[in-house]
Amino acid sequence: MAITVHLYYTGENGNARRFAEEMEESGTADAIRAEAGNLRYEYFFPMKDPETVLLIDSWTDQAAIDAHHASPMMQTIARLRERYDLHMKVERCQSLDAPADGAFIRK
């Protein structure tokens, strides 16, 4: 059962978007995507909130998340969050093997 974390990074004056751009341009995001157990690591921009960036971060299991949190990558991310003075809100989800509302999903 995969674990997905939604991280909302909020700043001022475009700092959240600059943070996401630096994560991508520096190769940090790609390095995280290459970590064992990472299934998805993507940034999105809410249409009605230009000061927030949503990161969808998905892992195979808690052990993969724990390994990521123990990696030097977290120090890099923490430094960037501080540089851009970002605040965070986190939502944690677990995927189901079969979607409960599959009848409503158009493929």
PDB file of N, CA and C in Angstrom:
ATOM      1  N   MET A   1       0.841  -1.172   0.000  1.00  0.00           N
ATOM      2  CA  MET A   1       0.000   0.000   0.000  1.00  0.00           C
ATOM      3  C   MET A   1       0.888   1.238   0.000  1.00  0.00           C
ATOM      4  N   ALA A   2       0.839   2.019  -1.064  1.00  0.00           N
ATOM      5  CA  ALA A   2       1.658   3.218  -1.197  1.00  0.00           C
ATOM      6  C   ALA A   2       1.202   4.293  -0.213  1.00  0.00           C
ATOM      7  N   ILE A   3       2.148   5.130   0.169  1.00  0.00           N
ATOM      8  CA  ILE A   3       1.866   6.273   1.034  1.00  0.00           C
ATOM      9  C   ILE A   3       2.167   7.536   0.237  1.00  0.00           C
ATOM     10  N   THR A   4       1.187   8.418   0.179  1.00  0.00           N
ATOM     11  CA  THR A   4       1.352   9.679  -0.542  1.00  0.00           C
ATOM     12  C   THR A   4       1.221  10.829   0.438  1.00  0.00           C
ATOM     13  N   VAL A   5       2.127  11.775   0.296  1.00  0.00           N
ATOM     14  CA  VAL A   5       2.138  12.942   1.161  1.00  0.00           C
ATOM     15  C   VAL A   5       1.939  14.171   0.278  1.00  0.00           C
ATOM     16  N   HIS A   6       0.982  15.006   0.654  1.00  0.00           N
ATOM     17  CA  HIS A   6       0.772  16.295  -0.009  1.00  0.00           C
ATOM     18  C   HIS A   6       1.403  17.351   0.879  1.00  0.00           C
ATOM     19  N   LEU A   7       2.399  18.031   0.350  1.00  0.00           N
ATOM     20  CA  LEU A   7       3.056  19.099   1.097  1.00  0.00           C
ATOM     21  C   LEU A   7       2.742  20.424   0.420  1.00  0.00           C
ATOM     22  N   TYR A   8       2.128  21.323   1.155  1.00  0.00           N
ATOM     23  CA  TYR A   8       1.805  22.650   0.650  1.00  0.00           C
ATOM     24  C   TYR A   8       2.870  23.608   1.189  1.00  0.00           C
ATOM     25  N   TYR A   9       3.689  24.140   0.295  1.00  0.00           N
ATOM     26  CA  TYR A   9       4.701  25.122   0.664  1.00  0.00           C
ATOM     27  C   TYR A   9       4.135  26.507   0.368  1.00  0.00           C
ATOM     28  N   THR A  10       4.109  27.370   1.374  1.00  0.00           N
ATOM     29  CA  THR A  10       3.573  28.714   1.199  1.00  0.00           C
ATOM     30  C   THR A  10       4.614  29.742   1.621  1.00  0.00           C
ATOM     31  N   GLY A  11       4.757  30.755   0.794  1.00  0.00           N
ATOM     32  CA  GLY A  11       5.696  31.832   1.078  1.00  0.00           C
ATOM     33  C   GLY A  11       5.122  33.160   0.649  1.00  0.00           C
ATOM     34  N   GLU A  12       6.007  34.092   0.359  1.00  0.00           N
ATOM     35  CA  GLU A  12       5.601  35.425  -0.094  1.00  0.00           C
ATOM     36  C   GLU A  12       6.425  35.797  -1.315  1.00  0.00           C
ATOM     37  N   ASN A  13       5.864  36.688  -2.120  1.00  0.00           N
ATOM     38  CA  ASN A  13       6.577  37.260  -3.269  1.00  0.00           C
ATOM     39  C   ASN A  13       7.128  36.219  -4.234  1.00  0.00           C
ATOM     40  N   GLY A  14       6.392  35.125  -4.420  1.00  0.00           N
ATOM     41  CA  GLY A  14       6.805  34.103  -5.379  1.00  0.00           C
ATOM     42  C   GLY A  14       7.851  33.134  -4.880  1.00  0.00           C
ATOM     43  N   ASN A  15       8.164  33.176  -3.579  1.00  0.00           N
ATOM     44  CA  ASN A  15       9.229  32.315  -3.048  1.00  0.00           C
ATOM     45  C   ASN A  15       8.914  30.824  -3.137  1.00  0.00           C
ATOM     46  N   ALA A  16       7.654  30.434  -2.993  1.00  0.00           N
ATOM     47  CA  ALA A  16       7.324  29.007  -3.070  1.00  0.00           C
ATOM     48  C   ALA A  16       7.617  28.479  -4.472  1.00  0.00           C
ATOM     49  N   ARG A  17       7.265  29.240  -5.466  1.00  0.00           N
ATOM     50  CA  ARG A  17       7.529  28.820  -6.846  1.00  0.00           C
ATOM     51  C   ARG A  17       9.035  28.796  -7.118  1.00  0.00           C
ATOM     52  N   ARG A  18       9.761  29.794  -6.617  1.00  0.00           N
ATOM     53  CA  ARG A  18      11.222  29.803  -6.795  1.00  0.00           C
ATOM     54  C   ARG A  18      11.861  28.595  -6.114  1.00  0.00           C
ATOM     55  N   PHE A  19      11.347  28.223  -4.956  1.00  0.00           N
ATOM     56  CA  PHE A  19      11.833  27.018  -4.267  1.00  0.00           C
ATOM     57  C   PHE A  19      11.664  25.793  -5.163  1.00  0.00           C
ATOM     58  N   ALA A  20      10.466  25.602  -5.709  1.00  0.00           N
ATOM     59  CA  ALA A  20      10.207  24.442  -6.569  1.00  0.00           C
ATOM     60  C   ALA A  20      11.089  24.485  -7.811  1.00  0.00           C
ATOM     61  N   GLU A  21      11.256  25.650  -8.390  1.00  0.00           N
ATOM     62  CA  GLU A  21      12.116  25.774  -9.567  1.00  0.00           C
ATOM     63  C   GLU A  21      13.558  25.402  -9.237  1.00  0.00           C
ATOM     64  N   GLU A  22      14.053  25.845  -8.083  1.00  0.00           N
ATOM     65  CA  GLU A  22      15.424  25.499  -7.690  1.00  0.00           C
ATOM     66  C   GLU A  22      15.562  24.006  -7.411  1.00  0.00           C
ATOM     67  N   MET A  23      14.545  23.416  -6.793  1.00  0.00           N
ATOM     68  CA  MET A  23      14.574  21.958  -6.559  1.00  0.00           C
ATOM     69  C   MET A  23      14.709  21.214  -7.886  1.00  0.00           C
ATOM     70  N   GLU A  24      13.991  21.665  -8.900  1.00  0.00           N
ATOM     71  CA  GLU A  24      14.048  21.015 -10.215  1.00  0.00           C
ATOM     72  C   GLU A  24      15.359  21.326 -10.938  1.00  0.00           C
ATOM     73  N   GLU A  25      15.728  22.596 -11.024  1.00  0.00           N
ATOM     74  CA  GLU A  25      16.901  23.006 -11.792  1.00  0.00           C
ATOM     75  C   GLU A  25      18.208  22.494 -11.192  1.00  0.00           C
ATOM     76  N   SER A  26      18.254  22.347  -9.876  1.00  0.00           N
ATOM     77  CA  SER A  26      19.483  21.891  -9.213  1.00  0.00           C
ATOM     78  C   SER A  26      19.680  20.383  -9.309  1.00  0.00           C
ATOM     79  N   GLY A  27      18.630  19.665  -9.733  1.00  0.00           N
ATOM     80  CA  GLY A  27      18.712  18.205  -9.789  1.00  0.00           C
ATOM     81  C   GLY A  27      18.301  17.527  -8.498  1.00  0.00           C
ATOM     82  N   THR A  28      17.969  18.308  -7.478  1.00  0.00           N
ATOM     83  CA  THR A  28      17.573  17.728  -6.197  1.00  0.00           C
ATOM     84  C   THR A  28      16.309  16.895  -6.339  1.00  0.00           C
ATOM     85  N   ALA A  29      15.322  17.412  -7.060  1.00  0.00           N
ATOM     86  CA  ALA A  29      14.072  16.665  -7.246  1.00  0.00           C
ATOM     87  C   ALA A  29      14.335  15.354  -7.986  1.00  0.00           C
ATOM     88  N   ASP A  30      15.180  15.383  -9.003  1.00  0.00           N
ATOM     89  CA  ASP A  30      15.497  14.150  -9.726  1.00  0.00           C
ATOM     90  C   ASP A  30      16.228  13.146  -8.837  1.00  0.00           C
ATOM     91  N   ALA A  31      17.093  13.641  -7.961  1.00  0.00           N
ATOM     92  CA  ALA A  31      17.796  12.746  -7.032  1.00  0.00           C
ATOM     93  C   ALA A  31      16.801  12.074  -6.088  1.00  0.00           C
ATOM     94  N   ILE A  32      15.791  12.799  -5.651  1.00  0.00           N
ATOM     95  CA  ILE A  32      14.766  12.219  -4.782  1.00  0.00           C
ATOM     96  C   ILE A  32      13.958  11.188  -5.560  1.00  0.00           C
ATOM     97  N   ARG A  33      13.621  11.504  -6.811  1.00  0.00           N
ATOM     98  CA  ARG A  33      12.875  10.547  -7.648  1.00  0.00           C
ATOM     99  C   ARG A  33      13.651   9.244  -7.839  1.00  0.00           C
ATOM    100  N   ALA A  34      14.975   9.321  -7.787  1.00  0.00           N
ATOM    101  CA  ALA A  34      15.822   8.140  -7.982  1.00  0.00           C
ATOM    102  C   ALA A  34      16.018   7.327  -6.706  1.00  0.00           C
ATOM    103  N   GLU A  35      15.559   7.850  -5.566  1.00  0.00           N
ATOM    104  CA  GLU A  35      15.720   7.126  -4.308  1.00  0.00           C
ATOM    105  C   GLU A  35      14.867   5.852  -4.312  1.00  0.00           C
ATOM    106  N   ALA A  36      15.374   4.829  -3.654  1.00  0.00           N
ATOM    107  CA  ALA A  36      14.636   3.562  -3.551  1.00  0.00           C
ATOM    108  C   ALA A  36      13.281   3.802  -2.911  1.00  0.00           C
ATOM    109  N   GLY A  37      12.235   3.321  -3.548  1.00  0.00           N
ATOM    110  CA  GLY A  37      10.897   3.415  -2.996  1.00  0.00           C
ATOM    111  C   GLY A  37      10.108   4.632  -3.408  1.00  0.00           C
ATOM    112  N   ASN A  38      10.736   5.596  -4.097  1.00  0.00           N
ATOM    113  CA  ASN A  38       9.973   6.770  -4.516  1.00  0.00           C
ATOM    114  C   ASN A  38       9.149   6.430  -5.745  1.00  0.00           C
ATOM    115  N   LEU A  39       7.866   6.751  -5.685  1.00  0.00           N
ATOM    116  CA  LEU A  39       6.940   6.484  -6.788  1.00  0.00           C
ATOM    117  C   LEU A  39       6.575   7.753  -7.554  1.00  0.00           C
ATOM    118  N   ARG A  40       6.588   8.886  -6.856  1.00  0.00           N
ATOM    119  CA  ARG A  40       6.184  10.139  -7.490  1.00  0.00           C
ATOM    120  C   ARG A  40       6.719  11.300  -6.669  1.00  0.00           C
ATOM    121  N   TYR A  41       7.205  12.315  -7.374  1.00  0.00           N
ATOM    122  CA  TYR A  41       7.686  13.535  -6.742  1.00  0.00           C
ATOM    123  C   TYR A  41       7.445  14.662  -7.747  1.00  0.00           C
ATOM    124  N   GLU A  42       6.307  15.342  -7.607  1.00  0.00           N
ATOM    125  CA  GLU A  42       5.913  16.354  -8.582  1.00  0.00           C
ATOM    126  C   GLU A  42       5.343  17.591  -7.902  1.00  0.00           C
ATOM    127  N   TYR A  43       5.685  18.744  -8.468  1.00  0.00           N
ATOM    128  CA  TYR A  43       5.179  20.021  -7.980  1.00  0.00           C
ATOM    129  C   TYR A  43       4.000  20.490  -8.836  1.00  0.00           C
ATOM    130  N   PHE A  44       3.024  21.115  -8.177  1.00  0.00           N
ATOM    131  CA  PHE A  44       1.854  21.676  -8.840  1.00  0.00           C
ATOM    132  C   PHE A  44       1.592  23.066  -8.256  1.00  0.00           C
ATOM    133  N   PHE A  45       0.923  23.896  -9.033  1.00  0.00           N
ATOM    134  CA  PHE A  45       0.658  25.269  -8.630  1.00  0.00           C
ATOM    135  C   PHE A  45      -0.844  25.511  -8.578  1.00  0.00           C
ATOM    136  N   PRO A  46      -1.416  25.739  -7.384  1.00  0.00           N
ATOM    137  CA  PRO A  46      -2.852  26.013  -7.273  1.00  0.00           C
ATOM    138  C   PRO A  46      -3.223  27.281  -8.051  1.00  0.00           C
ATOM    139  N   MET A  47      -4.282  27.192  -8.811  1.00  0.00           N
ATOM    140  CA  MET A  47      -4.703  28.310  -9.657  1.00  0.00           C
ATOM    141  C   MET A  47      -5.094  29.550  -8.869  1.00  0.00           C
ATOM    142  N   LYS A  48      -5.688  29.372  -7.697  1.00  0.00           N
ATOM    143  CA  LYS A  48      -6.194  30.518  -6.945  1.00  0.00           C
ATOM    144  C   LYS A  48      -5.264  30.985  -5.829  1.00  0.00           C
ATOM    145  N   ASP A  49      -4.078  30.391  -5.737  1.00  0.00           N
ATOM    146  CA  ASP A  49      -3.142  30.772  -4.681  1.00  0.00           C
ATOM    147  C   ASP A  49      -1.728  30.819  -5.250  1.00  0.00           C
ATOM    148  N   PRO A  50      -1.314  31.961  -5.786  1.00  0.00           N
ATOM    149  CA  PRO A  50       0.007  32.055  -6.414  1.00  0.00           C
ATOM    150  C   PRO A  50       1.176  31.968  -5.433  1.00  0.00           C
ATOM    151  N   GLU A  51       0.903  32.007  -4.150  1.00  0.00           N
ATOM    152  CA  GLU A  51       1.978  31.940  -3.150  1.00  0.00           C
ATOM    153  C   GLU A  51       2.163  30.542  -2.561  1.00  0.00           C
ATOM    154  N   THR A  52       1.464  29.553  -3.113  1.00  0.00           N
ATOM    155  CA  THR A  52       1.573  28.181  -2.614  1.00  0.00           C
ATOM    156  C   THR A  52       1.959  27.238  -3.743  1.00  0.00           C
ATOM    157  N   VAL A  53       2.770  26.254  -3.389  1.00  0.00           N
ATOM    158  CA  VAL A  53       3.142  25.164  -4.284  1.00  0.00           C
ATOM    159  C   VAL A  53       2.744  23.867  -3.589  1.00  0.00           C
ATOM    160  N   LEU A  54       2.153  22.960  -4.345  1.00  0.00           N
ATOM    161  CA  LEU A  54       1.790  21.640  -3.828  1.00  0.00           C
ATOM    162  C   LEU A  54       2.805  20.627  -4.340  1.00  0.00           C
ATOM    163  N   LEU A  55       3.389  19.875  -3.427  1.00  0.00           N
ATOM    164  CA  LEU A  55       4.254  18.748  -3.782  1.00  0.00           C
ATOM    165  C   LEU A  55       3.486  17.470  -3.499  1.00  0.00           C
ATOM    166  N   ILE A  56       3.367  16.619  -4.507  1.00  0.00           N
ATOM    167  CA  ILE A  56       2.807  15.289  -4.307  1.00  0.00           C
ATOM    168  C   ILE A  56       3.989  14.335  -4.297  1.00  0.00           C
ATOM    169  N   ASP A  57       4.187  13.693  -3.161  1.00  0.00           N
ATOM    170  CA  ASP A  57       5.358  12.873  -2.869  1.00  0.00           C
ATOM    171  C   ASP A  57       4.850  11.489  -2.457  1.00  0.00           C
ATOM    172  N   SER A  58       5.116  10.475  -3.273  1.00  0.00           N
ATOM    173  CA  SER A  58       4.548   9.148  -3.024  1.00  0.00           C
ATOM    174  C   SER A  58       5.659   8.112  -2.895  1.00  0.00           C
ATOM    175  N   TRP A  59       5.482   7.198  -1.938  1.00  0.00           N
ATOM    176  CA  TRP A  59       6.497   6.196  -1.604  1.00  0.00           C
ATOM    177  C   TRP A  59       5.852   4.818  -1.488  1.00  0.00           C
ATOM    178  N   THR A  60       6.658   3.776  -1.683  1.00  0.00           N
ATOM    179  CA  THR A  60       6.144   2.409  -1.613  1.00  0.00           C
ATOM    180  C   THR A  60       5.670   2.036  -0.217  1.00  0.00           C
ATOM    181  N   ASP A  61       6.356   2.552   0.815  1.00  0.00           N
ATOM    182  CA  ASP A  61       6.011   2.186   2.192  1.00  0.00           C
ATOM    183  C   ASP A  61       6.695   3.135   3.171  1.00  0.00           C
ATOM    184  N   GLN A  62       6.414   2.956   4.451  1.00  0.00           N
ATOM    185  CA  GLN A  62       6.980   3.820   5.482  1.00  0.00           C
ATOM    186  C   GLN A  62       8.493   3.682   5.567  1.00  0.00           C
ATOM    187  N   ALA A  63       9.024   2.498   5.334  1.00  0.00           N
ATOM    188  CA  ALA A  63      10.480   2.303   5.385  1.00  0.00           C
ATOM    189  C   ALA A  63      11.186   3.175   4.348  1.00  0.00           C
ATOM    190  N   ALA A  64      10.599   3.310   3.160  1.00  0.00           N
ATOM    191  CA  ALA A  64      11.186   4.162   2.120  1.00  0.00           C
ATOM    192  C   ALA A  64      11.151   5.627   2.545  1.00  0.00           C
ATOM    193  N   ILE A  65      10.057   6.045   3.166  1.00  0.00           N
ATOM    194  CA  ILE A  65       9.966   7.426   3.665  1.00  0.00           C
ATOM    195  C   ILE A  65      10.995   7.663   4.759  1.00  0.00           C
ATOM    196  N   ASP A  66      11.139   6.707   5.668  1.00  0.00           N
ATOM    197  CA  ASP A  66      12.106   6.842   6.756  1.00  0.00           C
ATOM    198  C   ASP A  66      13.531   6.961   6.215  1.00  0.00           C
ATOM    199  N   ALA A  67      13.853   6.159   5.205  1.00  0.00           N
ATOM    200  CA  ALA A  67      15.191   6.224   4.594  1.00  0.00           C
ATOM    201  C   ALA A  67      15.406   7.589   3.939  1.00  0.00           C
ATOM    202  N   HIS A  68      14.383   8.095   3.273  1.00  0.00           N
ATOM    203  CA  HIS A  68      14.471   9.424   2.656  1.00  0.00           C
ATOM    204  C   HIS A  68      14.686  10.490   3.727  1.00  0.00           C
ATOM    205  N   HIS A  69      13.932  10.413   4.812  1.00  0.00           N
ATOM    206  CA  HIS A  69      14.065  11.403   5.883  1.00  0.00           C
ATOM    207  C   HIS A  69      15.436  11.352   6.555  1.00  0.00           C
ATOM    208  N   ALA A  70      16.085  10.200   6.535  1.00  0.00           N
ATOM    209  CA  ALA A  70      17.411  10.052   7.141  1.00  0.00           C
ATOM    210  C   ALA A  70      18.536  10.411   6.174  1.00  0.00           C
ATOM    211  N   SER A  71      18.202  10.669   4.911  1.00  0.00           N
ATOM    212  CA  SER A  71      19.220  10.932   3.894  1.00  0.00           C
ATOM    213  C   SER A  71      19.715  12.378   3.966  1.00  0.00           C
ATOM    214  N   PRO A  72      20.909  12.633   3.427  1.00  0.00           N
ATOM    215  CA  PRO A  72      21.435  14.002   3.366  1.00  0.00           C
ATOM    216  C   PRO A  72      20.539  14.932   2.533  1.00  0.00           C
ATOM    217  N   MET A  73      19.688  14.367   1.690  1.00  0.00           N
ATOM    218  CA  MET A  73      18.790  15.152   0.863  1.00  0.00           C
ATOM    219  C   MET A  73      17.894  16.054   1.721  1.00  0.00           C
ATOM    220  N   MET A  74      17.524  15.571   2.894  1.00  0.00           N
ATOM    221  CA  MET A  74      16.646  16.357   3.763  1.00  0.00           C
ATOM    222  C   MET A  74      17.320  17.648   4.237  1.00  0.00           C
ATOM    223  N   GLN A  75      18.640  17.612   4.432  1.00  0.00           N
ATOM    224  CA  GLN A  75      19.366  18.823   4.823  1.00  0.00           C
ATOM    225  C   GLN A  75      19.320  19.855   3.696  1.00  0.00           C
ATOM    226  N   THR A  76      19.448  19.372   2.468  1.00  0.00           N
ATOM    227  CA  THR A  76      19.367  20.261   1.306  1.00  0.00           C
ATOM    228  C   THR A  76      17.997  20.918   1.238  1.00  0.00           C
ATOM    229  N   ILE A  77      16.947  20.108   1.392  1.00  0.00           N
ATOM    230  CA  ILE A  77      15.583  20.626   1.339  1.00  0.00           C
ATOM    231  C   ILE A  77      15.349  21.631   2.468  1.00  0.00           C
ATOM    232  N   ALA A  78      15.807  21.311   3.673  1.00  0.00           N
ATOM    233  CA  ALA A  78      15.618  22.208   4.820  1.00  0.00           C
ATOM    234  C   ALA A  78      16.308  23.554   4.586  1.00  0.00           C
ATOM    235  N   ARG A  79      17.518  23.526   4.022  1.00  0.00           N
ATOM    236  CA  ARG A  79      18.229  24.777   3.733  1.00  0.00           C
ATOM    237  C   ARG A  79      17.448  25.633   2.730  1.00  0.00           C
ATOM    238  N   LEU A  80      16.910  24.984   1.706  1.00  0.00           N
ATOM    239  CA  LEU A  80      16.144  25.733   0.706  1.00  0.00           C
ATOM    240  C   LEU A  80      14.850  26.292   1.306  1.00  0.00           C
ATOM    241  N   ARG A  81      14.170  25.504   2.136  1.00  0.00           N
ATOM    242  CA  ARG A  81      12.949  26.006   2.784  1.00  0.00           C
ATOM    243  C   ARG A  81      13.259  27.240   3.621  1.00  0.00           C
ATOM    244  N   GLU A  82      14.377  27.210   4.330  1.00  0.00           N
ATOM    245  CA  GLU A  82      14.781  28.357   5.146  1.00  0.00           C
ATOM    246  C   GLU A  82      15.120  29.550   4.254  1.00  0.00           C
ATOM    247  N   ARG A  83      15.869  29.301   3.189  1.00  0.00           N
ATOM    248  CA  ARG A  83      16.270  30.382   2.284  1.00  0.00           C
ATOM    249  C   ARG A  83      15.055  31.120   1.739  1.00  0.00           C
ATOM    250  N   TYR A  84      14.015  30.355   1.389  1.00  0.00           N
ATOM    251  CA  TYR A  84      12.818  30.954   0.801  1.00  0.00           C
ATOM    252  C   TYR A  84      11.738  31.264   1.842  1.00  0.00           C
ATOM    253  N   ASP A  85      12.040  31.043   3.114  1.00  0.00           N
ATOM    254  CA  ASP A  85      11.134  31.345   4.232  1.00  0.00           C
ATOM    255  C   ASP A  85       9.741  30.749   4.009  1.00  0.00           C
ATOM    256  N   LEU A  86       9.711  29.445   3.784  1.00  0.00           N
ATOM    257  CA  LEU A  86       8.458  28.753   3.487  1.00  0.00           C
ATOM    258  C   LEU A  86       7.856  28.126   4.730  1.00  0.00           C
ATOM    259  N   HIS A  87       6.542  28.086   4.751  1.00  0.00           N
ATOM    260  CA  HIS A  87       5.785  27.400   5.792  1.00  0.00           C
ATOM    261  C   HIS A  87       5.066  26.234   5.124  1.00  0.00           C
ATOM    262  N   MET A  88       4.743  25.210   5.907  1.00  0.00           N
ATOM    263  CA  MET A  88       4.220  23.983   5.323  1.00  0.00           C
ATOM    264  C   MET A  88       2.942  23.510   5.993  1.00  0.00           C
ATOM    265  N   LYS A  89       2.115  22.895   5.183  1.00  0.00           N
ATOM    266  CA  LYS A  89       0.964  22.136   5.656  1.00  0.00           C
ATOM    267  C   LYS A  89       1.099  20.761   5.009  1.00  0.00           C
ATOM    268  N   VAL A  90       0.814  19.702   5.759  1.00  0.00           N
ATOM    269  CA  VAL A  90       1.032  18.338   5.261  1.00  0.00           C
ATOM    270  C   VAL A  90      -0.238  17.511   5.407  1.00  0.00           C
ATOM    271  N   GLU A  91      -0.542  16.757   4.362  1.00  0.00           N
ATOM    272  CA  GLU A  91      -1.630  15.770   4.379  1.00  0.00           C
ATOM    273  C   GLU A  91      -1.008  14.429   3.982  1.00  0.00           C
ATOM    274  N   ARG A  92      -1.388  13.392   4.680  1.00  0.00           N
ATOM    275  CA  ARG A  92      -0.833  12.056   4.426  1.00  0.00           C
ATOM    276  C   ARG A  92      -1.973  11.122   4.020  1.00  0.00           C
ATOM    277  N   CYS A  93      -1.767  10.360   2.943  1.00  0.00           N
ATOM    278  CA  CYS A  93      -2.800   9.471   2.406  1.00  0.00           C
ATOM    279  C   CYS A  93      -2.212   8.084   2.150  1.00  0.00           C
ATOM    280  N   GLN A  94      -3.045   7.074   2.241  1.00  0.00           N
ATOM    281  CA  GLN A  94      -2.648   5.717   1.857  1.00  0.00           C
ATOM    282  C   GLN A  94      -3.540   5.287   0.705  1.00  0.00           C
ATOM    283  N   SER A  95      -2.907   4.693  -0.316  1.00  0.00           N
ATOM    284  CA  SER A  95      -3.697   4.265  -1.460  1.00  0.00           C
ATOM    285  C   SER A  95      -4.362   2.930  -1.166  1.00  0.00           C
ATOM    286  N   LEU A  96      -5.492   2.719  -1.797  1.00  0.00           N
ATOM    287  CA  LEU A  96      -6.215   1.458  -1.697  1.00  0.00           C
ATOM    288  C   LEU A  96      -5.834   0.588  -2.887  1.00  0.00           C
ATOM    289  N   ASP A  97      -5.877  -0.724  -2.703  1.00  0.00           N
ATOM    290  CA  ASP A  97      -5.566  -1.614  -3.815  1.00  0.00           C
ATOM    291  C   ASP A  97      -6.580  -1.474  -4.942  1.00  0.00           C
ATOM    292  N   ALA A  98      -7.832  -1.280  -4.607  1.00  0.00           N
ATOM    293  CA  ALA A  98      -8.893  -1.074  -5.595  1.00  0.00           C
ATOM    294  C   ALA A  98      -9.651   0.186  -5.215  1.00  0.00           C
ATOM    295  N   PRO A  99      -9.795   1.114  -6.153  1.00  0.00           N
ATOM    296  CA  PRO A  99     -10.497   2.350  -5.791  1.00  0.00           C
ATOM    297  C   PRO A  99     -11.944   2.087  -5.400  1.00  0.00           C
ATOM    298  N   ALA A 100     -12.333   2.637  -4.269  1.00  0.00           N
ATOM    299  CA  ALA A 100     -13.694   2.448  -3.766  1.00  0.00           C
ATOM    300  C   ALA A 100     -14.721   3.096  -4.681  1.00  0.00           C
ATOM    301  N   ASP A 101     -14.317   4.148  -5.379  1.00  0.00           N
ATOM    302  CA  ASP A 101     -15.267   4.845  -6.253  1.00  0.00           C
ATOM    303  C   ASP A 101     -14.909   4.654  -7.730  1.00  0.00           C
ATOM    304  N   GLY A 102     -14.442   3.474  -8.075  1.00  0.00           N
ATOM    305  CA  GLY A 102     -14.004   3.167  -9.432  1.00  0.00           C
ATOM    306  C   GLY A 102     -15.066   3.395 -10.487  1.00  0.00           C
ATOM    307  N   ALA A 103     -16.335   3.278 -10.137  1.00  0.00           N
ATOM    308  CA  ALA A 103     -17.422   3.474 -11.100  1.00  0.00           C
ATOM    309  C   ALA A 103     -17.466   4.940 -11.572  1.00  0.00           C
ATOM    310  N   PHE A 104     -16.869   5.864 -10.829  1.00  0.00           N
ATOM    311  CA  PHE A 104     -16.941   7.280 -11.170  1.00  0.00           C
ATOM    312  C   PHE A 104     -15.680   7.780 -11.881  1.00  0.00           C
ATOM    313  N   ILE A 105     -14.711   6.897 -12.068  1.00  0.00           N
ATOM    314  CA  ILE A 105     -13.443   7.295 -12.665  1.00  0.00           C
ATOM    315  C   ILE A 105     -13.444   6.948 -14.147  1.00  0.00           C
ATOM    316  N   ARG A 106     -13.243   7.955 -14.969  1.00  0.00           N
ATOM    317  CA  ARG A 106     -13.186   7.749 -16.421  1.00  0.00           C
ATOM    318  C   ARG A 106     -11.741   7.538 -16.817  1.00  0.00           C
ATOM    319  N   LYS A 107     -11.477   6.430 -17.472  1.00  0.00           N
ATOM    320  CA  LYS A 107     -10.100   6.134 -17.907  1.00  0.00           C
ATOM    321  C   LYS A 107      -9.955   6.306 -19.380  1.00  0.00           C
TER     322      LYS A 107
END
